[in-house]
Amino acid sequence: MKKDFYEVLGISKGASPEEIKKAYRKKAIKYHPDKNPGDATAEENFKTCAEAYEVLSDPNKKAKYDQY
């Protein structure tokens, strides 16, 4: 099952690059392993947020992602 990266970051599909970056930073701070030592769920959420940001912050990757 593929996760909806927009849902992961809590943004709409029409979000600007600035909104994407802001949402990612907010989630990254919330789930960062240093802030949640020993919490495997938080670590997994952090990795998912990083993956979502990697795709959505790159215009080419975002266009491919949006096709599917």
C-alpha atoms as a PDB file:
ATOM      1  CA  MET A   1       0.000   0.000   0.000  1.00  0.00           C
ATOM      2  CA  LYS A   2       1.459   3.313  -1.119  1.00  0.00           C
ATOM      3  CA  LYS A   3       1.127   6.236   1.284  1.00  0.00           C
ATOM      4  CA  ASP A   4      -0.275   9.547   0.127  1.00  0.00           C
ATOM      5  CA  PHE A   5       2.654  11.919   0.625  1.00  0.00           C
ATOM      6  CA  TYR A   6       0.344  14.923   0.684  1.00  0.00           C
ATOM      7  CA  GLU A   7      -1.578  13.343   3.554  1.00  0.00           C
ATOM      8  CA  VAL A   8       1.664  12.445   5.367  1.00  0.00           C
ATOM      9  CA  LEU A   9       2.718  16.103   5.386  1.00  0.00           C
ATOM     10  CA  GLY A  10      -0.809  17.391   5.931  1.00  0.00           C
ATOM     11  CA  ILE A  11      -0.930  19.588   2.832  1.00  0.00           C
ATOM     12  CA  SER A  12      -3.108  19.927  -0.254  1.00  0.00           C
ATOM     13  CA  LYS A  13      -2.055  18.855  -3.754  1.00  0.00           C
ATOM     14  CA  GLY A  14      -1.830  22.497  -4.797  1.00  0.00           C
ATOM     15  CA  ALA A  15       0.636  23.405  -2.033  1.00  0.00           C
ATOM     16  CA  SER A  16       3.479  25.739  -2.944  1.00  0.00           C
ATOM     17  CA  PRO A  17       7.125  24.715  -2.439  1.00  0.00           C
ATOM     18  CA  GLU A  18       7.242  26.985   0.632  1.00  0.00           C
ATOM     19  CA  GLU A  19       4.188  25.275   2.136  1.00  0.00           C
ATOM     20  CA  ILE A  20       5.716  21.856   1.479  1.00  0.00           C
ATOM     21  CA  LYS A  21       8.960  22.859   3.177  1.00  0.00           C
ATOM     22  CA  LYS A  22       7.157  24.380   6.170  1.00  0.00           C
ATOM     23  CA  ALA A  23       4.957  21.293   6.628  1.00  0.00           C
ATOM     24  CA  TYR A  24       7.974  18.990   6.380  1.00  0.00           C
ATOM     25  CA  ARG A  25       9.949  20.933   8.970  1.00  0.00           C
ATOM     26  CA  LYS A  26       7.011  20.911  11.375  1.00  0.00           C
ATOM     27  CA  LYS A  27       6.587  17.132  11.053  1.00  0.00           C
ATOM     28  CA  ALA A  28      10.356  16.495  11.163  1.00  0.00           C
ATOM     29  CA  ILE A  29      10.666  18.353  14.460  1.00  0.00           C
ATOM     30  CA  LYS A  30       7.670  16.482  15.888  1.00  0.00           C
ATOM     31  CA  TYR A  31       8.963  13.009  14.949  1.00  0.00           C
ATOM     32  CA  HIS A  32      12.743  13.513  15.133  1.00  0.00           C
ATOM     33  CA  PRO A  33      14.474  10.529  16.809  1.00  0.00           C
ATOM     34  CA  ASP A  34      16.394  12.847  19.162  1.00  0.00           C
ATOM     35  CA  LYS A  35      13.099  14.209  20.519  1.00  0.00           C
ATOM     36  CA  ASN A  36      11.557  10.716  20.782  1.00  0.00           C
ATOM     37  CA  PRO A  37      14.346   8.381  21.935  1.00  0.00           C
ATOM     38  CA  GLY A  38      13.388   4.723  21.723  1.00  0.00           C
ATOM     39  CA  ASP A  39      10.076   5.401  19.955  1.00  0.00           C
ATOM     40  CA  ALA A  40      10.049   3.202  16.840  1.00  0.00           C
ATOM     41  CA  THR A  41       6.757   4.682  15.591  1.00  0.00           C
ATOM     42  CA  ALA A  42       8.134   8.227  15.689  1.00  0.00           C
ATOM     43  CA  GLU A  43      11.264   7.097  13.865  1.00  0.00           C
ATOM     44  CA  GLU A  44       9.175   5.435  11.151  1.00  0.00           C
ATOM     45  CA  ASN A  45       7.024   8.570  10.808  1.00  0.00           C
ATOM     46  CA  PHE A  46      10.193  10.679  10.538  1.00  0.00           C
ATOM     47  CA  LYS A  47      11.489   8.489   7.683  1.00  0.00           C
ATOM     48  CA  THR A  48       8.126   8.634   5.912  1.00  0.00           C
ATOM     49  CA  CYS A  49       8.053  12.447   6.191  1.00  0.00           C
ATOM     50  CA  ALA A  50      11.595  12.643   4.806  1.00  0.00           C
ATOM     51  CA  GLU A  51      10.634  10.424   1.866  1.00  0.00           C
ATOM     52  CA  ALA A  52       7.525  12.530   1.205  1.00  0.00           C
ATOM     53  CA  TYR A  53       9.552  15.739   1.268  1.00  0.00           C
ATOM     54  CA  GLU A  54      12.189  14.265  -1.052  1.00  0.00           C
ATOM     55  CA  VAL A  55       9.529  13.490  -3.665  1.00  0.00           C
ATOM     56  CA  LEU A  56       7.351  16.581  -3.293  1.00  0.00           C
ATOM     57  CA  SER A  57      10.203  19.108  -3.132  1.00  0.00           C
ATOM     58  CA  ASP A  58      11.627  17.991  -6.494  1.00  0.00           C
ATOM     59  CA  PRO A  59       9.451  19.273  -9.380  1.00  0.00           C
ATOM     60  CA  ASN A  60      10.271  16.279 -11.628  1.00  0.00           C
ATOM     61  CA  LYS A  61       9.610  13.665  -8.941  1.00  0.00           C
ATOM     62  CA  LYS A  62       6.450  15.506  -7.888  1.00  0.00           C
ATOM     63  CA  ALA A  63       5.127  15.496 -11.464  1.00  0.00           C
ATOM     64  CA  LYS A  64       5.732  11.742 -11.757  1.00  0.00           C
ATOM     65  CA  TYR A  65       4.123  11.135  -8.355  1.00  0.00           C
ATOM     66  CA  ASP A  66       1.076  13.216  -9.292  1.00  0.00           C
ATOM     67  CA  GLN A  67       0.532  11.120 -12.438  1.00  0.00           C
ATOM     68  CA  TYR A  68      -0.254   8.112 -10.246  1.00  0.00           C
END
